[in-house]
Amino acid sequence: MSRPTPDRRPLSGEGPVILRAPSDPRWLPLALERFDEVLVDHAHCEKKAAANALSMIQVYPDLPGLPAQMARLAREESAHLARVLELMAARGLTLNRDAGDPYAQGLQKAVRTSHEGRKVDRLLVAAVIEARSCERLSLLAEGLEEESLRRFYAELAQSEDGHQSLFYRLAVTAAGGDEAPVRARLEELLVLEAEVLQRIGVRAAIH
């Protein structure tokens, strides 16, 4: 798969995670057509993002800066969840059982098993997921007709861009401040992410 040129703007936003491939052009029309399904999936994504932040505190409490930053992130993701649930309620939607996310599962299978490798990889996988979320939410912000929804998704996309940068910085911290191996591992995960996205196909979901 071709690599981006050095001066290419990240598909995900302004952060360090430069996605290898844009979303399939068919994704946005499908997401707009089946927006109710996407909205329910979005709620599950926000729920899992908050839970993942709290899990990071539980597993890596000694990583400098992580507990406070993950606590703030969990609070922010929970606030996003509340707002998505409000949108769902206004549309007469309810939160069904989470059927799982093949996209996230595909990335998590690549997480290394060693203690230090797992720590870096968990943070990098989170960064990659946030980067893809940023791209998808930006597309919704551009494609939705209702102005209030456009503003909402533009705001969330900006937040996700900040989150991917946060997780990347924490991964570098977890590696002892040595960015080179972290960047090399991120490149491997980004190639995998593009493959996973292609394998699961176009879905009425955030990922």
Protein backbone atom coordinates (compact mmCIF):
# COMPACT_ATOMS: atom_id res chain seq x y z
CA MET A 1 0.00 0.00 0.00
CA SER A 2 1.39 3.42 -0.92
CA ARG A 3 2.64 5.68 1.84
CA PRO A 4 1.55 9.31 2.12
CA THR A 5 3.93 11.99 0.96
CA PRO A 6 5.57 13.96 3.80
CA ASP A 7 3.59 17.14 3.13
CA ARG A 8 0.22 15.40 2.97
CA ARG A 9 -2.30 16.63 5.52
CA PRO A 10 -3.51 13.88 7.85
CA LEU A 11 -6.81 12.35 6.81
CA SER A 12 -7.74 12.29 10.48
CA GLY A 13 -7.06 15.92 11.30
CA GLU A 14 -3.95 17.68 12.58
CA GLY A 15 -2.60 15.01 14.96
CA PRO A 16 0.30 12.57 14.53
CA VAL A 17 -1.75 9.59 13.30
CA ILE A 18 -1.86 9.82 9.51
CA LEU A 19 -4.33 7.24 8.22
CA ARG A 20 -3.20 5.17 5.27
CA ALA A 21 -6.49 5.30 3.35
CA PRO A 22 -9.62 7.45 3.38
CA SER A 23 -12.99 5.92 4.07
CA ASP A 24 -14.68 4.27 1.12
CA PRO A 25 -16.68 6.94 -0.80
CA ARG A 26 -19.76 4.78 -0.27
CA TRP A 27 -19.57 5.18 3.51
CA LEU A 28 -21.02 8.67 3.87
CA PRO A 29 -24.09 8.11 1.64
CA LEU A 30 -24.82 4.90 3.55
CA ALA A 31 -24.31 6.61 6.91
CA LEU A 32 -26.68 9.44 5.95
CA GLU A 33 -29.28 7.03 4.60
CA ARG A 34 -29.16 4.86 7.75
CA PHE A 35 -28.28 7.59 10.22
CA ASP A 36 -30.38 6.11 13.02
CA GLU A 37 -28.21 2.97 12.95
CA VAL A 38 -25.07 5.07 12.92
CA LEU A 39 -26.34 7.09 15.87
CA VAL A 40 -26.92 3.96 17.96
CA ASP A 41 -23.47 2.66 17.03
CA HIS A 42 -22.01 6.06 17.91
CA ALA A 43 -23.49 5.79 21.40
CA HIS A 44 -21.81 2.42 21.87
CA CYS A 45 -18.51 3.90 20.65
CA GLU A 46 -18.67 6.73 23.18
CA LYS A 47 -19.58 4.28 25.94
CA LYS A 48 -16.60 2.06 25.12
CA ALA A 49 -14.26 5.04 24.82
CA ALA A 50 -15.15 6.14 28.35
CA ALA A 51 -14.76 2.59 29.65
CA ASN A 52 -11.38 2.22 27.92
CA ALA A 53 -10.09 5.41 29.53
CA LEU A 54 -11.04 4.14 32.99
CA SER A 55 -9.49 0.75 32.18
CA MET A 56 -6.21 2.49 31.34
CA ILE A 57 -6.15 4.02 34.82
CA GLN A 58 -6.76 0.60 36.37
CA VAL A 59 -4.03 -1.14 34.36
CA TYR A 60 -1.38 1.59 34.07
CA PRO A 61 -1.76 3.82 37.16
CA ASP A 62 1.99 4.46 37.33
CA LEU A 63 2.41 5.86 33.82
CA PRO A 64 3.23 9.58 34.32
CA GLY A 65 0.29 11.78 33.42
CA LEU A 66 -2.00 8.93 32.40
CA PRO A 67 -4.40 8.76 35.37
CA ALA A 68 -5.35 12.46 35.34
CA GLN A 69 -5.58 12.63 31.56
CA MET A 70 -7.64 9.44 31.30
CA ALA A 71 -9.96 10.67 34.04
CA ARG A 72 -10.59 13.83 32.04
CA LEU A 73 -11.02 11.81 28.87
CA ALA A 74 -13.53 9.46 30.50
CA ARG A 75 -15.53 12.47 31.69
CA GLU A 76 -15.47 14.00 28.20
CA GLU A 77 -16.48 10.76 26.47
CA SER A 78 -19.29 10.27 28.99
CA ALA A 79 -20.55 13.76 28.20
CA HIS A 80 -20.48 12.90 24.50
CA LEU A 81 -22.43 9.74 25.23
CA ALA A 82 -25.07 11.73 27.10
CA ARG A 83 -25.48 14.07 24.14
CA VAL A 84 -25.77 11.20 21.66
CA LEU A 85 -28.36 9.54 23.89
CA GLU A 86 -30.33 12.79 23.90
CA LEU A 87 -30.29 12.80 20.09
CA MET A 88 -31.44 9.19 20.08
CA ALA A 89 -34.28 9.90 22.49
CA ALA A 90 -35.46 12.81 20.33
CA ARG A 91 -35.64 10.41 17.39
CA GLY A 92 -37.41 7.68 19.38
CA LEU A 93 -34.37 5.40 19.43
CA THR A 94 -33.20 3.15 22.25
CA LEU A 95 -29.77 1.73 23.00
CA ASN A 96 -29.77 -1.93 22.02
CA ARG A 97 -27.31 -4.61 23.05
CA ASP A 98 -23.82 -3.99 21.74
CA ALA A 99 -23.11 -6.52 18.99
CA GLY A 100 -19.39 -5.75 19.04
CA ASP A 101 -17.12 -3.83 16.69
CA PRO A 102 -15.21 -5.96 14.14
CA TYR A 103 -13.03 -2.95 13.35
CA ALA A 104 -11.75 -2.49 16.90
CA GLN A 105 -11.51 -6.25 17.39
CA GLY A 106 -9.36 -6.56 14.28
CA LEU A 107 -6.93 -3.98 15.61
CA GLN A 108 -6.85 -5.42 19.12
CA LYS A 109 -5.76 -8.80 17.77
CA ALA A 110 -2.46 -7.20 16.80
CA VAL A 111 -1.65 -6.01 20.34
CA ARG A 112 1.58 -7.60 21.53
CA THR A 113 1.53 -9.85 24.60
CA SER A 114 4.65 -8.63 26.42
CA HIS A 115 3.97 -6.18 29.23
CA GLU A 116 5.74 -3.20 27.67
CA GLY A 117 4.64 -4.06 24.14
CA ARG A 118 1.04 -4.39 25.23
CA LYS A 119 1.13 -1.03 27.01
CA VAL A 120 2.44 0.82 23.96
CA ASP A 121 0.15 -1.05 21.58
CA ARG A 122 -3.00 -0.41 23.62
CA LEU A 123 -2.28 3.29 23.55
CA LEU A 124 -1.45 3.29 19.84
CA VAL A 125 -4.55 1.27 18.92
CA ALA A 126 -6.61 3.80 20.85
CA ALA A 127 -4.89 6.60 18.91
CA VAL A 128 -5.65 4.92 15.58
CA ILE A 129 -9.32 4.38 16.50
CA GLU A 130 -9.62 8.02 17.52
CA ALA A 131 -8.04 9.09 14.23
CA ARG A 132 -10.55 7.08 12.20
CA SER A 133 -13.38 8.40 14.36
CA CYS A 134 -12.16 11.92 13.68
CA GLU A 135 -12.27 11.29 9.93
CA ARG A 136 -15.73 9.72 10.01
CA LEU A 137 -17.24 12.38 12.27
CA SER A 138 -15.77 15.07 10.02
CA LEU A 139 -17.50 13.46 7.06
CA LEU A 140 -20.80 13.48 8.94
CA ALA A 141 -20.28 17.14 9.83
CA GLU A 142 -19.92 17.90 6.14
CA GLY A 143 -22.73 15.65 4.92
CA LEU A 144 -25.60 16.11 7.35
CA GLU A 145 -28.27 18.63 6.37
CA GLU A 146 -29.39 19.74 9.83
CA GLU A 147 -27.17 22.59 11.01
CA SER A 148 -27.25 21.61 14.69
CA LEU A 149 -26.05 18.09 13.82
CA ARG A 150 -23.33 19.49 11.57
CA ARG A 151 -22.04 21.65 14.44
CA PHE A 152 -22.25 18.74 16.88
CA TYR A 153 -20.24 16.38 14.71
CA ALA A 154 -17.69 19.04 13.82
CA GLU A 155 -17.16 19.62 17.55
CA LEU A 156 -16.77 15.90 18.19
CA ALA A 157 -14.34 15.49 15.31
CA GLN A 158 -12.14 18.18 16.81
CA SER A 159 -12.24 16.37 20.16
CA GLU A 160 -11.26 13.06 18.56
CA ASP A 161 -8.31 14.75 16.87
CA GLY A 162 -7.09 15.87 20.27
CA HIS A 163 -7.62 12.40 21.70
CA GLN A 164 -5.49 10.69 19.06
CA SER A 165 -2.64 13.09 19.87
CA LEU A 166 -3.05 12.39 23.59
CA PHE A 167 -2.86 8.62 23.17
CA TYR A 168 0.17 8.94 20.90
CA ARG A 169 2.01 11.12 23.43
CA LEU A 170 1.23 8.64 26.19
CA ALA A 171 2.57 5.81 24.02
CA VAL A 172 5.85 7.70 23.66
CA THR A 173 5.92 8.20 27.43
CA ALA A 174 5.28 4.48 27.90
CA ALA A 175 8.28 3.76 25.68
CA GLY A 176 10.52 5.84 27.91
CA GLY A 177 10.36 8.91 25.72
CA ASP A 178 11.94 7.22 22.71
CA GLU A 179 9.67 8.18 19.82
CA ALA A 180 11.40 6.24 17.03
CA PRO A 181 10.20 2.74 17.97
CA VAL A 182 6.74 4.09 18.74
CA ARG A 183 6.50 5.72 15.33
CA ALA A 184 7.72 2.50 13.68
CA ARG A 185 5.10 0.45 15.51
CA LEU A 186 2.41 2.99 14.66
CA GLU A 187 3.29 2.62 10.96
CA GLU A 188 2.72 -1.14 11.24
CA LEU A 189 -0.63 -0.65 12.95
CA LEU A 190 -1.74 1.89 10.35
CA VAL A 191 -1.09 -0.58 7.54
CA LEU A 192 -3.11 -3.15 9.48
CA GLU A 193 -5.89 -0.63 10.07
CA ALA A 194 -6.30 -0.03 6.34
CA GLU A 195 -6.45 -3.79 5.78
CA VAL A 196 -9.04 -4.27 8.53
CA LEU A 197 -11.18 -1.48 7.13
CA GLN A 198 -11.11 -3.04 3.69
CA ARG A 199 -11.86 -6.51 5.06
CA ILE A 200 -14.94 -5.55 7.06
CA GLY A 201 -16.38 -3.51 4.21
CA VAL A 202 -18.75 -0.54 4.30
CA ARG A 203 -21.03 -0.53 7.33
CA ALA A 204 -23.66 1.85 8.77
CA ALA A 205 -21.39 2.40 11.77
CA ILE A 206 -18.75 4.84 12.94
CA HIS A 207 -16.03 2.30 12.12
